Amino acid sequence: MYVVIRKFSHMHSVPEAARRAESGIGQILRQSPGFQGYYVFDGGNGVGGSVTLFDSRDNALAANEKALSWIRASLADLVQGEPEITAGEVLAVVKPQE
């Protein structure tokens, strides 16, 4: 599994960005090969971000390019600058017991 984390340090409205992302980039990611999940978070004080999970590095990096294009086209009025991106192989997974 591979994770891509995008952090925006200066957002005008994290809730509005999340609303747009859910119906915009969320739908694009759902159609991407290897997609496993997408989460948007509010870090407070104008900080927001997302966590995206894919089954492989190649699928994650291909989808990240689509995501950045969507962000530039659809969130320009809500974000200042490019997101800080951290990506890597998931080394451990802990899930609740069933």
PDB file of N, CA and C in Angstrom:
ATOM      1  N   MET A   1       0.845  -1.166   0.000  1.00  0.00           N
ATOM      2  CA  MET A   1       0.000   0.000   0.000  1.00  0.00           C
ATOM      3  C   MET A   1       0.899   1.240   0.000  1.00  0.00           C
ATOM      4  N   TYR A   2       0.414   2.308  -0.623  1.00  0.00           N
ATOM      5  CA  TYR A   2       1.182   3.544  -0.767  1.00  0.00           C
ATOM      6  C   TYR A   2       0.302   4.711  -0.345  1.00  0.00           C
ATOM      7  N   VAL A   3       0.857   5.658   0.372  1.00  0.00           N
ATOM      8  CA  VAL A   3       0.103   6.805   0.881  1.00  0.00           C
ATOM      9  C   VAL A   3       0.646   8.103   0.293  1.00  0.00           C
ATOM     10  N   VAL A   4      -0.266   9.030  -0.007  1.00  0.00           N
ATOM     11  CA  VAL A   4       0.099  10.387  -0.428  1.00  0.00           C
ATOM     12  C   VAL A   4      -0.619  11.343   0.515  1.00  0.00           C
ATOM     13  N   ILE A   5       0.161  12.206   1.175  1.00  0.00           N
ATOM     14  CA  ILE A   5      -0.394  13.191   2.097  1.00  0.00           C
ATOM     15  C   ILE A   5      -0.132  14.572   1.513  1.00  0.00           C
ATOM     16  N   ARG A   6      -1.191  15.358   1.372  1.00  0.00           N
ATOM     17  CA  ARG A   6      -1.064  16.740   0.894  1.00  0.00           C
ATOM     18  C   ARG A   6      -1.451  17.674   2.025  1.00  0.00           C
ATOM     19  N   LYS A   7      -0.582  18.639   2.327  1.00  0.00           N
ATOM     20  CA  LYS A   7      -0.855  19.592   3.404  1.00  0.00           C
ATOM     21  C   LYS A   7      -0.860  21.001   2.827  1.00  0.00           C
ATOM     22  N   PHE A   8      -1.924  21.726   3.136  1.00  0.00           N
ATOM     23  CA  PHE A   8      -2.054  23.127   2.739  1.00  0.00           C
ATOM     24  C   PHE A   8      -1.965  23.967   4.003  1.00  0.00           C
ATOM     25  N   SER A   9      -1.018  24.887   4.052  1.00  0.00           N
ATOM     26  CA  SER A   9      -0.801  25.670   5.266  1.00  0.00           C
ATOM     27  C   SER A   9      -1.632  26.947   5.337  1.00  0.00           C
ATOM     28  N   HIS A  10      -2.141  27.409   4.191  1.00  0.00           N
ATOM     29  CA  HIS A  10      -2.883  28.679   4.164  1.00  0.00           C
ATOM     30  C   HIS A  10      -4.160  28.520   3.345  1.00  0.00           C
ATOM     31  N   MET A  11      -5.229  28.101   4.023  1.00  0.00           N
ATOM     32  CA  MET A  11      -6.517  27.917   3.344  1.00  0.00           C
ATOM     33  C   MET A  11      -7.517  28.934   3.883  1.00  0.00           C
ATOM     34  N   HIS A  12      -8.351  29.441   3.003  1.00  0.00           N
ATOM     35  CA  HIS A  12      -9.379  30.401   3.414  1.00  0.00           C
ATOM     36  C   HIS A  12     -10.569  29.696   4.053  1.00  0.00           C
ATOM     37  N   SER A  13     -10.895  28.481   3.596  1.00  0.00           N
ATOM     38  CA  SER A  13     -12.014  27.714   4.153  1.00  0.00           C
ATOM     39  C   SER A  13     -11.778  26.225   3.919  1.00  0.00           C
ATOM     40  N   VAL A  14     -11.343  25.551   4.958  1.00  0.00           N
ATOM     41  CA  VAL A  14     -11.108  24.112   4.853  1.00  0.00           C
ATOM     42  C   VAL A  14     -12.431  23.367   4.627  1.00  0.00           C
ATOM     43  N   PRO A  15     -13.518  23.714   5.333  1.00  0.00           N
ATOM     44  CA  PRO A  15     -14.776  23.012   5.079  1.00  0.00           C
ATOM     45  C   PRO A  15     -15.267  23.153   3.629  1.00  0.00           C
ATOM     46  N   GLU A  16     -15.118  24.308   3.036  1.00  0.00           N
ATOM     47  CA  GLU A  16     -15.535  24.489   1.644  1.00  0.00           C
ATOM     48  C   GLU A  16     -14.633  23.685   0.708  1.00  0.00           C
ATOM     49  N   ALA A  17     -13.350  23.669   0.977  1.00  0.00           N
ATOM     50  CA  ALA A  17     -12.437  22.867   0.164  1.00  0.00           C
ATOM     51  C   ALA A  17     -12.801  21.387   0.277  1.00  0.00           C
ATOM     52  N   ALA A  18     -13.138  20.928   1.466  1.00  0.00           N
ATOM     53  CA  ALA A  18     -13.519  19.526   1.669  1.00  0.00           C
ATOM     54  C   ALA A  18     -14.793  19.196   0.898  1.00  0.00           C
ATOM     55  N   ARG A  19     -15.761  20.103   0.926  1.00  0.00           N
ATOM     56  CA  ARG A  19     -17.010  19.882   0.199  1.00  0.00           C
ATOM     57  C   ARG A  19     -16.740  19.736  -1.295  1.00  0.00           C
ATOM     58  N   ARG A  20     -15.936  20.640  -1.834  1.00  0.00           N
ATOM     59  CA  ARG A  20     -15.597  20.576  -3.258  1.00  0.00           C
ATOM     60  C   ARG A  20     -14.809  19.311  -3.587  1.00  0.00           C
ATOM     61  N   ALA A  21     -13.884  18.956  -2.696  1.00  0.00           N
ATOM     62  CA  ALA A  21     -13.034  17.785  -2.940  1.00  0.00           C
ATOM     63  C   ALA A  21     -13.864  16.506  -2.972  1.00  0.00           C
ATOM     64  N   GLU A  22     -14.813  16.404  -2.076  1.00  0.00           N
ATOM     65  CA  GLU A  22     -15.628  15.187  -2.012  1.00  0.00           C
ATOM     66  C   GLU A  22     -16.363  14.934  -3.326  1.00  0.00           C
ATOM     67  N   SER A  23     -16.916  15.982  -3.905  1.00  0.00           N
ATOM     68  CA  SER A  23     -17.674  15.799  -5.144  1.00  0.00           C
ATOM     69  C   SER A  23     -16.811  15.954  -6.395  1.00  0.00           C
ATOM     70  N   GLY A  24     -15.605  16.475  -6.248  1.00  0.00           N
ATOM     71  CA  GLY A  24     -14.720  16.699  -7.393  1.00  0.00           C
ATOM     72  C   GLY A  24     -13.623  15.663  -7.496  1.00  0.00           C
ATOM     73  N   ILE A  25     -12.535  15.906  -6.799  1.00  0.00           N
ATOM     74  CA  ILE A  25     -11.391  14.996  -6.887  1.00  0.00           C
ATOM     75  C   ILE A  25     -11.729  13.613  -6.326  1.00  0.00           C
ATOM     76  N   GLY A  26     -12.647  13.570  -5.363  1.00  0.00           N
ATOM     77  CA  GLY A  26     -13.055  12.278  -4.820  1.00  0.00           C
ATOM     78  C   GLY A  26     -13.605  11.359  -5.894  1.00  0.00           C
ATOM     79  N   GLN A  27     -14.396  11.909  -6.786  1.00  0.00           N
ATOM     80  CA  GLN A  27     -14.974  11.112  -7.867  1.00  0.00           C
ATOM     81  C   GLN A  27     -13.900  10.693  -8.872  1.00  0.00           C
ATOM     82  N   ILE A  28     -12.944  11.576  -9.123  1.00  0.00           N
ATOM     83  CA  ILE A  28     -11.839  11.251 -10.040  1.00  0.00           C
ATOM     84  C   ILE A  28     -10.981  10.125  -9.448  1.00  0.00           C
ATOM     85  N   LEU A  29     -10.668  10.233  -8.161  1.00  0.00           N
ATOM     86  CA  LEU A  29      -9.839   9.221  -7.510  1.00  0.00           C
ATOM     87  C   LEU A  29     -10.529   7.862  -7.496  1.00  0.00           C
ATOM     88  N   ARG A  30     -11.837   7.843  -7.271  1.00  0.00           N
ATOM     89  CA  ARG A  30     -12.588   6.583  -7.257  1.00  0.00           C
ATOM     90  C   ARG A  30     -12.401   5.787  -8.537  1.00  0.00           C
ATOM     91  N   GLN A  31     -12.192   6.496  -9.636  1.00  0.00           N
ATOM     92  CA  GLN A  31     -12.046   5.850 -10.937  1.00  0.00           C
ATOM     93  C   GLN A  31     -10.594   5.495 -11.253  1.00  0.00           C
ATOM     94  N   SER A  32      -9.680   5.849 -10.365  1.00  0.00           N
ATOM     95  CA  SER A  32      -8.256   5.592 -10.595  1.00  0.00           C
ATOM     96  C   SER A  32      -7.898   4.160 -10.198  1.00  0.00           C
ATOM     97  N   PRO A  33      -7.075   3.495 -10.995  1.00  0.00           N
ATOM     98  CA  PRO A  33      -6.653   2.123 -10.665  1.00  0.00           C
ATOM     99  C   PRO A  33      -5.954   2.067  -9.305  1.00  0.00           C
ATOM    100  N   GLY A  34      -6.281   1.065  -8.516  1.00  0.00           N
ATOM    101  CA  GLY A  34      -5.611   0.846  -7.242  1.00  0.00           C
ATOM    102  C   GLY A  34      -6.055   1.739  -6.102  1.00  0.00           C
ATOM    103  N   PHE A  35      -7.066   2.571  -6.319  1.00  0.00           N
ATOM    104  CA  PHE A  35      -7.541   3.500  -5.281  1.00  0.00           C
ATOM    105  C   PHE A  35      -8.101   2.738  -4.094  1.00  0.00           C
ATOM    106  N   GLN A  36      -7.708   3.169  -2.866  1.00  0.00           N
ATOM    107  CA  GLN A  36      -8.195   2.500  -1.651  1.00  0.00           C
ATOM    108  C   GLN A  36      -8.906   3.427  -0.686  1.00  0.00           C
ATOM    109  N   GLY A  37      -8.643   4.720  -0.747  1.00  0.00           N
ATOM    110  CA  GLY A  37      -9.335   5.630   0.165  1.00  0.00           C
ATOM    111  C   GLY A  37      -8.819   7.059   0.061  1.00  0.00           C
ATOM    112  N   TYR A  38      -9.684   8.003   0.431  1.00  0.00           N
ATOM    113  CA  TYR A  38      -9.350   9.427   0.391  1.00  0.00           C
ATOM    114  C   TYR A  38      -9.975  10.093   1.598  1.00  0.00           C
ATOM    115  N   TYR A  39      -9.186  10.846   2.342  1.00  0.00           N
ATOM    116  CA  TYR A  39      -9.630  11.482   3.576  1.00  0.00           C
ATOM    117  C   TYR A  39      -9.165  12.932   3.574  1.00  0.00           C
ATOM    118  N   VAL A  40     -10.063  13.850   3.923  1.00  0.00           N
ATOM    119  CA  VAL A  40      -9.723  15.266   4.027  1.00  0.00           C
ATOM    120  C   VAL A  40      -9.802  15.638   5.508  1.00  0.00           C
ATOM    121  N   PHE A  41      -8.823  16.410   5.985  1.00  0.00           N
ATOM    122  CA  PHE A  41      -8.826  16.799   7.395  1.00  0.00           C
ATOM    123  C   PHE A  41      -8.609  18.290   7.570  1.00  0.00           C
ATOM    124  N   ASP A  42      -9.111  18.793   8.689  1.00  0.00           N
ATOM    125  CA  ASP A  42      -8.949  20.190   9.085  1.00  0.00           C
ATOM    126  C   ASP A  42      -7.978  20.226  10.251  1.00  0.00           C
ATOM    127  N   GLY A  43      -6.789  20.803  10.022  1.00  0.00           N
ATOM    128  CA  GLY A  43      -5.776  20.882  11.061  1.00  0.00           C
ATOM    129  C   GLY A  43      -5.900  22.118  11.941  1.00  0.00           C
ATOM    130  N   GLY A  44      -6.900  22.969  11.663  1.00  0.00           N
ATOM    131  CA  GLY A  44      -7.088  24.199  12.439  1.00  0.00           C
ATOM    132  C   GLY A  44      -6.202  25.319  11.948  1.00  0.00           C
ATOM    133  N   ASN A  45      -6.611  26.544  12.212  1.00  0.00           N
ATOM    134  CA  ASN A  45      -5.846  27.749  11.868  1.00  0.00           C
ATOM    135  C   ASN A  45      -5.480  27.835  10.389  1.00  0.00           C
ATOM    136  N   GLY A  46      -6.419  27.447   9.514  1.00  0.00           N
ATOM    137  CA  GLY A  46      -6.170  27.550   8.080  1.00  0.00           C
ATOM    138  C   GLY A  46      -5.330  26.444   7.479  1.00  0.00           C
ATOM    139  N   VAL A  47      -5.063  25.410   8.264  1.00  0.00           N
ATOM    140  CA  VAL A  47      -4.296  24.263   7.771  1.00  0.00           C
ATOM    141  C   VAL A  47      -5.275  23.144   7.439  1.00  0.00           C
ATOM    142  N   GLY A  48      -5.126  22.596   6.254  1.00  0.00           N
ATOM    143  CA  GLY A  48      -5.961  21.475   5.850  1.00  0.00           C
ATOM    144  C   GLY A  48      -5.136  20.513   5.033  1.00  0.00           C
ATOM    145  N   GLY A  49      -5.677  19.339   4.840  1.00  0.00           N
ATOM    146  CA  GLY A  49      -4.928  18.384   4.054  1.00  0.00           C
ATOM    147  C   GLY A  49      -5.747  17.179   3.691  1.00  0.00           C
ATOM    148  N   SER A  50      -5.076  16.278   3.006  1.00  0.00           N
ATOM    149  CA  SER A  50      -5.725  15.034   2.603  1.00  0.00           C
ATOM    150  C   SER A  50      -4.737  13.880   2.686  1.00  0.00           C
ATOM    151  N   VAL A  51      -5.313  12.703   2.850  1.00  0.00           N
ATOM    152  CA  VAL A  51      -4.563  11.453   2.861  1.00  0.00           C
ATOM    153  C   VAL A  51      -5.221  10.556   1.823  1.00  0.00           C
ATOM    154  N   THR A  52      -4.430  10.056   0.884  1.00  0.00           N
ATOM    155  CA  THR A  52      -4.946   9.179  -0.155  1.00  0.00           C
ATOM    156  C   THR A  52      -4.159   7.873  -0.130  1.00  0.00           C
ATOM    157  N   LEU A  53      -4.870   6.763  -0.228  1.00  0.00           N
ATOM    158  CA  LEU A  53      -4.243   5.446  -0.199  1.00  0.00           C
ATOM    159  C   LEU A  53      -4.455   4.726  -1.527  1.00  0.00           C
ATOM    160  N   PHE A  54      -3.384   4.110  -1.999  1.00  0.00           N
ATOM    161  CA  PHE A  54      -3.409   3.324  -3.234  1.00  0.00           C
ATOM    162  C   PHE A  54      -2.708   2.003  -3.002  1.00  0.00           C
ATOM    163  N   ASP A  55      -2.921   1.072  -3.919  1.00  0.00           N
ATOM    164  CA  ASP A  55      -2.280  -0.230  -3.776  1.00  0.00           C
ATOM    165  C   ASP A  55      -0.822  -0.230  -4.210  1.00  0.00           C
ATOM    166  N   SER A  56      -0.405   0.773  -4.999  1.00  0.00           N
ATOM    167  CA  SER A  56       0.982   0.792  -5.451  1.00  0.00           C
ATOM    168  C   SER A  56       1.486   2.221  -5.643  1.00  0.00           C
ATOM    169  N   ARG A  57       2.792   2.362  -5.660  1.00  0.00           N
ATOM    170  CA  ARG A  57       3.443   3.658  -5.876  1.00  0.00           C
ATOM    171  C   ARG A  57       3.064   4.232  -7.238  1.00  0.00           C
ATOM    172  N   ASP A  58       3.130   3.418  -8.285  1.00  0.00           N
ATOM    173  CA  ASP A  58       2.830   3.906  -9.632  1.00  0.00           C
ATOM    174  C   ASP A  58       1.413   4.451  -9.736  1.00  0.00           C
ATOM    175  N   ASN A  59       0.441   3.725  -9.179  1.00  0.00           N
ATOM    176  CA  ASN A  59      -0.938   4.196  -9.213  1.00  0.00           C
ATOM    177  C   ASN A  59      -1.112   5.477  -8.409  1.00  0.00           C
ATOM    178  N   ALA A  60      -0.445   5.560  -7.265  1.00  0.00           N
ATOM    179  CA  ALA A  60      -0.544   6.747  -6.420  1.00  0.00           C
ATOM    180  C   ALA A  60       0.041   7.977  -7.113  1.00  0.00           C
ATOM    181  N   LEU A  61       1.198   7.834  -7.732  1.00  0.00           N
ATOM    182  CA  LEU A  61       1.838   8.973  -8.383  1.00  0.00           C
ATOM    183  C   LEU A  61       1.055   9.431  -9.607  1.00  0.00           C
ATOM    184  N   ALA A  62       0.482   8.503 -10.356  1.00  0.00           N
ATOM    185  CA  ALA A  62      -0.338   8.877 -11.511  1.00  0.00           C
ATOM    186  C   ALA A  62      -1.573   9.646 -11.052  1.00  0.00           C
ATOM    187  N   ALA A  63      -2.216   9.174  -9.998  1.00  0.00           N
ATOM    188  CA  ALA A  63      -3.410   9.852  -9.483  1.00  0.00           C
ATOM    189  C   ALA A  63      -3.057  11.192  -8.854  1.00  0.00           C
ATOM    190  N   ASN A  64      -1.864  11.306  -8.257  1.00  0.00           N
ATOM    191  CA  ASN A  64      -1.458  12.573  -7.653  1.00  0.00           C
ATOM    192  C   ASN A  64      -1.373  13.672  -8.698  1.00  0.00           C
ATOM    193  N   GLU A  65      -0.929  13.354  -9.888  1.00  0.00           N
ATOM    194  CA  GLU A  65      -0.878  14.358 -10.966  1.00  0.00           C
ATOM    195  C   GLU A  65      -2.276  14.855 -11.311  1.00  0.00           C
ATOM    196  N   LYS A  66      -3.241  13.935 -11.380  1.00  0.00           N
ATOM    197  CA  LYS A  66      -4.636  14.314 -11.626  1.00  0.00           C
ATOM    198  C   LYS A  66      -5.150  15.188 -10.489  1.00  0.00           C
ATOM    199  N   ALA A  67      -4.804  14.812  -9.260  1.00  0.00           N
ATOM    200  CA  ALA A  67      -5.253  15.568  -8.091  1.00  0.00           C
ATOM    201  C   ALA A  67      -4.698  16.983  -8.107  1.00  0.00           C
ATOM    202  N   LEU A  68      -3.425  17.134  -8.406  1.00  0.00           N
ATOM    203  CA  LEU A  68      -2.833  18.475  -8.437  1.00  0.00           C
ATOM    204  C   LEU A  68      -3.465  19.343  -9.525  1.00  0.00           C
ATOM    205  N   SER A  69      -3.766  18.765 -10.657  1.00  0.00           N
ATOM    206  CA  SER A  69      -4.446  19.519 -11.723  1.00  0.00           C
ATOM    207  C   SER A  69      -5.818  19.972 -11.253  1.00  0.00           C
ATOM    208  N   TRP A  70      -6.545  19.085 -10.598  1.00  0.00           N
ATOM    209  CA  TRP A  70      -7.871  19.440 -10.092  1.00  0.00           C
ATOM    210  C   TRP A  70      -7.766  20.536  -9.027  1.00  0.00           C
ATOM    211  N   ILE A  71      -6.816  20.410  -8.122  1.00  0.00           N
ATOM    212  CA  ILE A  71      -6.622  21.402  -7.065  1.00  0.00           C
ATOM    213  C   ILE A  71      -6.366  22.784  -7.665  1.00  0.00           C
ATOM    214  N   ARG A  72      -5.464  22.851  -8.632  1.00  0.00           N
ATOM    215  CA  ARG A  72      -5.136  24.135  -9.264  1.00  0.00           C
ATOM    216  C   ARG A  72      -6.353  24.750  -9.954  1.00  0.00           C
ATOM    217  N   ALA A  73      -7.187  23.918 -10.562  1.00  0.00           N
ATOM    218  CA  ALA A  73      -8.348  24.415 -11.306  1.00  0.00           C
ATOM    219  C   ALA A  73      -9.554  24.714 -10.399  1.00  0.00           C
ATOM    220  N   SER A  74      -9.680  23.982  -9.296  1.00  0.00           N
ATOM    221  CA  SER A  74     -10.920  24.052  -8.521  1.00  0.00           C
ATOM    222  C   SER A  74     -10.801  24.678  -7.136  1.00  0.00           C
ATOM    223  N   LEU A  75      -9.589  24.840  -6.633  1.00  0.00           N
ATOM    224  CA  LEU A  75      -9.423  25.393  -5.279  1.00  0.00           C
ATOM    225  C   LEU A  75      -8.569  26.662  -5.249  1.00  0.00           C
ATOM    226  N   ALA A  76      -8.311  27.234  -6.409  1.00  0.00           N
ATOM    227  CA  ALA A  76      -7.419  28.405  -6.473  1.00  0.00           C
ATOM    228  C   ALA A  76      -7.877  29.549  -5.590  1.00  0.00           C
ATOM    229  N   ASP A  77      -9.193  29.700  -5.418  1.00  0.00           N
ATOM    230  CA  ASP A  77      -9.712  30.780  -4.587  1.00  0.00           C
ATOM    231  C   ASP A  77      -9.646  30.470  -3.091  1.00  0.00           C
ATOM    232  N   LEU A  78      -9.331  29.226  -2.733  1.00  0.00           N
ATOM    233  CA  LEU A  78      -9.322  28.826  -1.322  1.00  0.00           C
ATOM    234  C   LEU A  78      -7.938  28.536  -0.758  1.00  0.00           C
ATOM    235  N   VAL A  79      -6.969  28.287  -1.620  1.00  0.00           N
ATOM    236  CA  VAL A  79      -5.629  27.931  -1.143  1.00  0.00           C
ATOM    237  C   VAL A  79      -4.590  28.907  -1.680  1.00  0.00           C
ATOM    238  N   GLN A  80      -3.555  29.092  -0.908  1.00  0.00           N
ATOM    239  CA  GLN A  80      -2.425  29.914  -1.336  1.00  0.00           C
ATOM    240  C   GLN A  80      -1.241  28.991  -1.564  1.00  0.00           C
ATOM    241  N   GLY A  81      -0.741  28.959  -2.776  1.00  0.00           N
ATOM    242  CA  GLY A  81       0.438  28.158  -3.078  1.00  0.00           C
ATOM    243  C   GLY A  81       0.133  26.690  -3.284  1.00  0.00           C
ATOM    244  N   GLU A  82       1.193  25.958  -3.496  1.00  0.00           N
ATOM    245  CA  GLU A  82       1.117  24.518  -3.735  1.00  0.00           C
ATOM    246  C   GLU A  82       1.116  23.766  -2.397  1.00  0.00           C
ATOM    247  N   PRO A  83       0.515  22.587  -2.372  1.00  0.00           N
ATOM    248  CA  PRO A  83       0.553  21.806  -1.128  1.00  0.00           C
ATOM    249  C   PRO A  83       1.930  21.204  -0.892  1.00  0.00           C
ATOM    250  N   GLU A  84       2.219  20.970   0.365  1.00  0.00           N
ATOM    251  CA  GLU A  84       3.401  20.188   0.737  1.00  0.00           C
ATOM    252  C   GLU A  84       2.987  18.727   0.581  1.00  0.00           C
ATOM    253  N   ILE A  85       3.759  17.950  -0.163  1.00  0.00           N
ATOM    254  CA  ILE A  85       3.381  16.563  -0.434  1.00  0.00           C
ATOM    255  C   ILE A  85       4.397  15.610   0.188  1.00  0.00           C
ATOM    256  N   THR A  86       3.886  14.648   0.918  1.00  0.00           N
ATOM    257  CA  THR A  86       4.699  13.574   1.476  1.00  0.00           C
ATOM    258  C   THR A  86       4.080  12.271   0.976  1.00  0.00           C
ATOM    259  N   ALA A  87       4.910  11.374   0.483  1.00  0.00           N
ATOM    260  CA  ALA A  87       4.397  10.107  -0.035  1.00  0.00           C
ATOM    261  C   ALA A  87       5.354   8.987   0.327  1.00  0.00           C
ATOM    262  N   GLY A  88       4.795   7.791   0.494  1.00  0.00           N
ATOM    263  CA  GLY A  88       5.659   6.667   0.794  1.00  0.00           C
ATOM    264  C   GLY A  88       4.912   5.365   0.953  1.00  0.00           C
ATOM    265  N   GLU A  89       5.685   4.309   1.034  1.00  0.00           N
ATOM    266  CA  GLU A  89       5.150   2.962   1.219  1.00  0.00           C
ATOM    267  C   GLU A  89       4.626   2.819   2.647  1.00  0.00           C
ATOM    268  N   VAL A  90       3.448   2.264   2.793  1.00  0.00           N
ATOM    269  CA  VAL A  90       2.879   1.985   4.119  1.00  0.00           C
ATOM    270  C   VAL A  90       3.598   0.764   4.681  1.00  0.00           C
ATOM    271  N   LEU A  91       4.172   0.907   5.866  1.00  0.00           N
ATOM    272  CA  LEU A  91       4.957  -0.174   6.463  1.00  0.00           C
ATOM    273  C   LEU A  91       4.214  -0.950   7.525  1.00  0.00           C
ATOM    274  N   ALA A  92       3.172  -0.359   8.105  1.00  0.00           N
ATOM    275  CA  ALA A  92       2.401  -1.058   9.134  1.00  0.00           C
ATOM    276  C   ALA A  92       0.964  -0.574   9.075  1.00  0.00           C
ATOM    277  N   VAL A  93       0.042  -1.483   9.330  1.00  0.00           N
ATOM    278  CA  VAL A  93      -1.377  -1.159   9.362  1.00  0.00           C
ATOM    279  C   VAL A  93      -1.950  -1.761  10.645  1.00  0.00           C
ATOM    280  N   VAL A  94      -2.653  -0.942  11.413  1.00  0.00           N
ATOM    281  CA  VAL A  94      -3.319  -1.412  12.625  1.00  0.00           C
ATOM    282  C   VAL A  94      -4.801  -1.096  12.461  1.00  0.00           C
ATOM    283  N   LYS A  95      -5.624  -2.117  12.544  1.00  0.00           N
ATOM    284  CA  LYS A  95      -7.077  -1.955  12.400  1.00  0.00           C
ATOM    285  C   LYS A  95      -7.754  -2.393  13.694  1.00  0.00           C
ATOM    286  N   PRO A  96      -8.955  -1.886  13.936  1.00  0.00           N
ATOM    287  CA  PRO A  96      -9.670  -2.339  15.141  1.00  0.00           C
ATOM    288  C   PRO A  96      -9.987  -3.836  15.059  1.00  0.00           C
ATOM    289  N   GLN A  97     -10.022  -4.451  16.208  1.00  0.00           N
ATOM    290  CA  GLN A  97     -10.375  -5.865  16.233  1.00  0.00           C
ATOM    291  C   GLN A  97     -11.848  -6.020  15.934  1.00  0.00           C
ATOM    292  N   GLU A  98     -12.172  -7.070  15.247  1.00  0.00           N
ATOM    293  CA  GLU A  98     -13.591  -7.314  14.914  1.00  0.00           C
ATOM    294  C   GLU A  98     -14.228  -8.220  15.911  1.00  0.00           C
TER     295      GLU A  98
END
